[in-house]
C-alpha atoms as a PDB file:
ATOM      1  CA  MET A   1       6.286 -19.786  -8.830  1.00  0.00           C
ATOM      2  CA  TRP A   2       3.598 -18.020 -10.783  1.00  0.00           C
ATOM      3  CA  ARG A   3       2.635 -17.644 -14.428  1.00  0.00           C
ATOM      4  CA  ALA A   4       0.831 -14.623 -15.861  1.00  0.00           C
ATOM      5  CA  ARG A   5      -0.338 -15.093 -19.401  1.00  0.00           C
ATOM      6  CA  PRO A   6      -2.235 -12.826 -21.806  1.00  0.00           C
ATOM      7  CA  PRO A   7      -4.927 -14.424 -23.955  1.00  0.00           C
ATOM      8  CA  ALA A   8      -2.836 -13.787 -27.103  1.00  0.00           C
ATOM      9  CA  SER A   9       0.665 -12.674 -28.016  1.00  0.00           C
ATOM     10  CA  VAL A  10       1.310  -8.956 -28.343  1.00  0.00           C
ATOM     11  CA  VAL A  11       3.474  -7.890 -31.265  1.00  0.00           C
ATOM     12  CA  GLY A  12       5.498  -4.700 -31.406  1.00  0.00           C
ATOM     13  CA  ASN A  13       8.573  -3.020 -29.977  1.00  0.00           C
ATOM     14  CA  SER A  14       9.802  -4.806 -26.863  1.00  0.00           C
ATOM     15  CA  THR A  15      12.129  -1.962 -25.849  1.00  0.00           C
ATOM     16  CA  GLY A  16      11.065  -0.901 -22.369  1.00  0.00           C
ATOM     17  CA  ALA A  17       8.788  -3.898 -21.716  1.00  0.00           C
ATOM     18  CA  ALA A  18      10.972  -5.249 -18.911  1.00  0.00           C
ATOM     19  CA  ASP A  19      11.263  -1.782 -17.370  1.00  0.00           C
ATOM     20  CA  ALA A  20       7.467  -1.513 -17.387  1.00  0.00           C
ATOM     21  CA  ALA A  21       7.153  -4.914 -15.700  1.00  0.00           C
ATOM     22  CA  VAL A  22       9.683  -3.988 -13.005  1.00  0.00           C
ATOM     23  CA  ALA A  23       7.927  -0.659 -12.372  1.00  0.00           C
ATOM     24  CA  ALA A  24       4.577  -2.446 -11.944  1.00  0.00           C
ATOM     25  CA  LEU A  25       6.114  -5.026  -9.598  1.00  0.00           C
ATOM     26  CA  ALA A  26       7.771  -2.284  -7.538  1.00  0.00           C
ATOM     27  CA  LEU A  27       4.476  -0.423  -7.249  1.00  0.00           C
ATOM     28  CA  GLY A  28       2.697  -3.616  -6.185  1.00  0.00           C
ATOM     29  CA  PHE A  29       5.387  -4.314  -3.604  1.00  0.00           C
ATOM     30  CA  SER A  30       5.244  -0.787  -2.175  1.00  0.00           C
ATOM     31  CA  THR A  31       1.459  -0.904  -1.848  1.00  0.00           C
ATOM     32  CA  GLY A  32       1.334  -4.443  -0.437  1.00  0.00           C
ATOM     33  CA  ARG A  33      -0.774  -5.918  -3.237  1.00  0.00           C
ATOM     34  CA  PRO A  34      -0.909  -9.734  -3.384  1.00  0.00           C
ATOM     35  CA  TRP A  35       1.370 -11.483  -5.880  1.00  0.00           C
ATOM     36  CA  PRO A  36      -1.375 -12.399  -8.356  1.00  0.00           C
ATOM     37  CA  GLU A  37      -2.438  -8.741  -8.625  1.00  0.00           C
ATOM     38  CA  ARG A  38       1.176  -7.611  -8.995  1.00  0.00           C
ATOM     39  CA  LEU A  39       1.731 -10.097 -11.788  1.00  0.00           C
ATOM     40  CA  VAL A  40      -1.419  -9.113 -13.669  1.00  0.00           C
ATOM     41  CA  GLU A  41      -0.361  -5.472 -13.566  1.00  0.00           C
ATOM     42  CA  ALA A  42       3.230  -6.276 -14.557  1.00  0.00           C
ATOM     43  CA  ALA A  43       2.238  -8.467 -17.487  1.00  0.00           C
ATOM     44  CA  ALA A  44      -0.458  -6.040 -18.665  1.00  0.00           C
ATOM     45  CA  LEU A  45       1.835  -3.017 -18.512  1.00  0.00           C
ATOM     46  CA  SER A  46       4.703  -4.888 -20.142  1.00  0.00           C
ATOM     47  CA  ALA A  47       2.486  -6.051 -23.028  1.00  0.00           C
ATOM     48  CA  ALA A  48       1.035  -2.549 -23.378  1.00  0.00           C
ATOM     49  CA  ALA A  49       4.587  -1.221 -23.680  1.00  0.00           C
ATOM     50  CA  VAL A  50       5.249  -3.696 -26.493  1.00  0.00           C
ATOM     51  CA  ALA A  51       2.046  -2.610 -28.256  1.00  0.00           C
ATOM     52  CA  ALA A  52       2.997   1.088 -28.249  1.00  0.00           C
ATOM     53  CA  PRO A  53       5.022   2.112 -31.319  1.00  0.00           C
ATOM     54  CA  PRO A  54       7.538   4.412 -29.575  1.00  0.00           C
ATOM     55  CA  ALA A  55       9.888   2.950 -26.981  1.00  0.00           C
ATOM     56  CA  GLY A  56       9.144   4.160 -23.470  1.00  0.00           C
ATOM     57  CA  ASP A  57       5.409   4.533 -24.052  1.00  0.00           C
ATOM     58  CA  PHE A  58       2.487   2.153 -23.517  1.00  0.00           C
ATOM     59  CA  ASP A  59      -0.896   1.609 -25.116  1.00  0.00           C
ATOM     60  CA  PRO A  60      -3.546   2.421 -22.460  1.00  0.00           C
ATOM     61  CA  GLY A  61      -6.240   0.465 -24.325  1.00  0.00           C
ATOM     62  CA  VAL A  62      -4.142  -2.710 -24.431  1.00  0.00           C
ATOM     63  CA  HIS A  63      -3.280  -2.219 -20.767  1.00  0.00           C
ATOM     64  CA  ARG A  64      -6.936  -1.823 -19.777  1.00  0.00           C
ATOM     65  CA  ASP A  65      -8.053  -4.831 -21.849  1.00  0.00           C
ATOM     66  CA  LEU A  66      -5.325  -7.081 -20.470  1.00  0.00           C
ATOM     67  CA  LEU A  67      -6.137  -6.208 -16.862  1.00  0.00           C
ATOM     68  CA  ASP A  68      -9.456  -7.986 -17.445  1.00  0.00           C
ATOM     69  CA  THR A  69      -8.251 -10.908 -19.553  1.00  0.00           C
ATOM     70  CA  LEU A  70      -4.851 -11.993 -18.202  1.00  0.00           C
ATOM     71  CA  THR A  71      -4.743 -15.288 -16.371  1.00  0.00           C
ATOM     72  CA  VAL A  72      -2.480 -15.893 -13.396  1.00  0.00           C
ATOM     73  CA  ARG A  73      -1.909 -19.223 -11.762  1.00  0.00           C
ATOM     74  CA  ARG A  74       0.426 -20.616  -9.182  1.00  0.00           C
ATOM     75  CA  LEU A  75       2.721 -23.352 -10.447  1.00  0.00           C
ATOM     76  CA  PRO A  76       4.059 -26.216  -8.398  1.00  0.00           C
ATOM     77  CA  HIS A  77       7.635 -25.858  -7.285  1.00  0.00           C
ATOM     78  CA  PRO A  78       9.787 -27.863  -9.743  1.00  0.00           C
ATOM     79  CA  LEU A  79      11.559 -29.654  -6.879  1.00  0.00           C
ATOM     80  CA  ALA A  80       8.461 -30.355  -4.780  1.00  0.00           C
ATOM     81  CA  GLY A  81       8.314 -33.962  -3.677  1.00  0.00           C
ATOM     82  CA  ARG A  82      11.921 -34.817  -4.538  1.00  0.00           C
ATOM     83  CA  PRO A  83      13.887 -36.290  -1.609  1.00  0.00           C
ATOM     84  CA  ASP A  84      16.681 -33.719  -2.033  1.00  0.00           C
ATOM     85  CA  SER A  85      14.250 -30.807  -2.320  1.00  0.00           C
ATOM     86  CA  PRO A  86      14.730 -27.876   0.083  1.00  0.00           C
ATOM     87  CA  ARG A  87      11.029 -28.347   0.904  1.00  0.00           C
ATOM     88  CA  THR A  88      11.549 -31.925   2.117  1.00  0.00           C
ATOM     89  CA  ARG A  89      15.160 -31.894   3.320  1.00  0.00           C
ATOM     90  CA  GLY A  90      15.356 -32.595   7.017  1.00  0.00           C
ATOM     91  CA  THR A  91      11.854 -34.013   7.267  1.00  0.00           C
ATOM     92  CA  SER A  92      10.994 -37.582   8.047  1.00  0.00           C
ATOM     93  CA  ALA A  93      10.043 -38.096   4.378  1.00  0.00           C
ATOM     94  CA  ALA A  94      13.616 -37.386   3.357  1.00  0.00           C
ATOM     95  CA  ARG A  95      15.270 -39.596   5.965  1.00  0.00           C
END
């Protein structure tokens, strides 16, 4: 699990933001970029789509700024360490 977070909320029209995120993730997948880079691009493009007044567009300045300021971090799996977790099931720790 990962979290990509801009330094501040972006206000505007959210129409098309999810499409922008999916497009960025698909591009990252097709080019073999690591997950953190994919997530930075997806979050930056999605936020830039929100910042653009017309739906289906994006604000290139917001996109560029967010590429440099977004933070991405890996989160612990919510079930990690639990005896019934898929990560521990079948191991000696779970027996």
